[in-house]
């Protein structure tokens, strides 16, 4: 994306604004967004990877999930999962629509819709 932005910037002047936006979005993605797997989905369970210690993870069976909620925050959004044993797991996430689709596919009917929440 950054390379195509530079090509548009130097070759075709009418696309100057589009080229600058492409370069900025590409650089933002490379610098700010994480380049690691945050969670994985299987047929009967999901794995949440710990942000602080990348060697640790939490495996959650879909049957153990009571509810889940996507929370918006100013710095980073969160997926909050409430389990049968009363504990909650929280995961920092960056893509609401993809995550919401996967959670509704694997854990249908357990989403708690909320208003915008700030930290």
Protein backbone atom coordinates (compact mmCIF):
# COMPACT_ATOMS: atom_id res chain seq x y z
CA UNK A 1 0.00 0.00 0.00
CA UNK A 2 2.84 2.36 0.84
CA UNK A 3 4.63 1.47 -2.40
CA UNK A 4 1.51 2.05 -4.51
CA UNK A 5 0.99 5.35 -2.69
CA UNK A 6 4.50 6.48 -3.63
CA UNK A 7 3.95 5.40 -7.22
CA UNK A 8 0.72 7.44 -7.41
CA UNK A 9 2.45 10.38 -5.75
CA UNK A 10 5.26 10.65 -8.30
CA UNK A 11 3.58 9.45 -11.49
CA UNK A 12 0.09 10.88 -11.54
CA UNK A 13 -0.52 14.34 -10.05
CA UNK A 14 -4.37 14.19 -9.92
CA UNK A 15 -4.09 11.31 -7.42
CA UNK A 16 -1.84 13.23 -5.03
CA UNK A 17 -4.34 13.34 -2.14
CA UNK A 18 -5.23 9.65 -2.53
CA UNK A 19 -1.52 8.79 -2.58
CA UNK A 20 -0.83 10.70 0.63
CA UNK A 21 -3.78 9.01 2.37
CA UNK A 22 -2.59 5.58 1.20
CA UNK A 23 0.92 6.24 2.50
CA UNK A 24 -0.36 7.48 5.89
CA UNK A 25 -2.72 4.51 6.35
CA UNK A 26 0.03 2.06 5.36
CA UNK A 27 2.59 3.59 7.73
CA UNK A 28 0.01 3.68 10.55
CA UNK A 29 -0.77 -0.01 10.01
CA UNK A 30 2.89 -0.97 10.04
CA UNK A 31 3.79 1.03 13.14
CA UNK A 32 0.72 1.00 15.40
CA UNK A 33 -1.25 -2.19 14.73
CA UNK A 34 0.13 -5.42 16.23
CA UNK A 35 1.60 -8.07 13.96
CA UNK A 36 0.56 -11.12 15.97
CA UNK A 37 -2.41 -13.38 16.44
CA UNK A 38 -4.73 -12.09 19.18
CA UNK A 39 -7.27 -14.94 19.14
CA UNK A 40 -8.06 -18.12 17.23
CA UNK A 41 -11.37 -19.89 16.70
CA UNK A 42 -12.02 -23.62 16.43
CA UNK A 43 -15.23 -25.66 16.15
CA UNK A 44 -15.69 -26.04 19.93
CA UNK A 45 -13.26 -23.59 21.57
CA UNK A 46 -11.38 -20.34 21.15
CA UNK A 47 -7.90 -19.30 22.27
CA UNK A 48 -7.13 -15.81 23.62
CA UNK A 49 -3.46 -14.91 23.62
CA UNK A 50 -2.16 -12.86 26.55
CA UNK A 51 -0.80 -9.45 25.55
CA UNK A 52 1.71 -9.22 28.39
CA UNK A 53 3.26 -12.66 28.12
CA UNK A 54 3.10 -14.01 24.58
CA UNK A 55 3.97 -17.51 25.81
CA UNK A 56 0.66 -17.78 27.70
CA UNK A 57 -2.86 -18.20 26.36
CA UNK A 58 -6.39 -18.92 27.60
CA UNK A 59 -8.50 -21.65 26.00
CA UNK A 60 -12.25 -21.10 26.34
CA UNK A 61 -14.90 -23.64 25.33
CA UNK A 62 -17.96 -22.06 23.73
CA UNK A 63 -20.22 -23.94 26.19
CA UNK A 64 -18.52 -22.07 29.08
CA UNK A 65 -19.38 -18.62 27.70
CA UNK A 66 -22.34 -16.94 29.41
CA UNK A 67 -22.11 -13.67 27.47
CA UNK A 68 -19.71 -11.53 25.50
CA UNK A 69 -19.51 -7.82 24.80
CA UNK A 70 -17.55 -5.57 22.47
CA UNK A 71 -16.54 -2.35 24.25
CA UNK A 72 -15.33 0.82 22.52
CA UNK A 73 -12.53 2.77 24.18
CA UNK A 74 -10.54 5.79 23.08
CA UNK A 75 -7.19 4.00 22.88
CA UNK A 76 -8.05 0.38 22.07
CA UNK A 77 -11.29 -1.63 21.98
CA UNK A 78 -11.93 -4.71 24.13
CA UNK A 79 -13.73 -8.02 23.90
CA UNK A 80 -15.08 -8.95 27.34
CA UNK A 81 -16.19 -12.55 27.83
CA UNK A 82 -18.14 -13.66 30.95
CA UNK A 83 -17.73 -17.34 31.82
CA UNK A 84 -19.84 -19.88 33.75
CA UNK A 85 -17.50 -19.84 36.76
CA UNK A 86 -18.06 -16.09 37.22
CA UNK A 87 -14.72 -14.94 35.80
CA UNK A 88 -14.28 -12.56 32.90
CA UNK A 89 -11.64 -12.55 30.21
CA UNK A 90 -10.74 -9.37 28.37
CA UNK A 91 -8.86 -9.06 25.10
CA UNK A 92 -7.68 -5.90 23.32
CA UNK A 93 -8.97 -6.02 19.75
CA UNK A 94 -8.83 -3.86 16.63
CA UNK A 95 -11.50 -5.14 14.23
CA UNK A 96 -15.10 -5.02 15.45
CA UNK A 97 -16.87 -6.34 12.38
CA UNK A 98 -14.70 -9.41 11.80
CA UNK A 99 -14.68 -10.31 15.50
CA UNK A 100 -18.42 -9.76 15.84
CA UNK A 101 -19.07 -12.00 12.84
CA UNK A 102 -16.90 -14.80 14.25
CA UNK A 103 -18.36 -14.55 17.76
CA UNK A 104 -21.96 -14.58 16.44
CA UNK A 105 -21.07 -17.57 14.28
CA UNK A 106 -19.56 -19.61 17.15
CA UNK A 107 -21.49 -18.22 20.16
CA UNK A 108 -24.87 -17.09 18.79
CA UNK A 109 -27.32 -15.22 20.97
CA UNK A 110 -24.93 -14.41 23.81
CA UNK A 111 -23.86 -10.91 22.80
CA UNK A 112 -24.60 -8.04 25.17
CA UNK A 113 -25.20 -4.92 23.11
CA UNK A 114 -23.98 -1.82 24.89
CA UNK A 115 -23.69 1.88 24.41
CA UNK A 116 -20.27 3.38 23.84
CA UNK A 117 -18.06 2.83 26.92
CA UNK A 118 -14.96 4.89 27.72
CA UNK A 119 -12.03 3.90 29.92
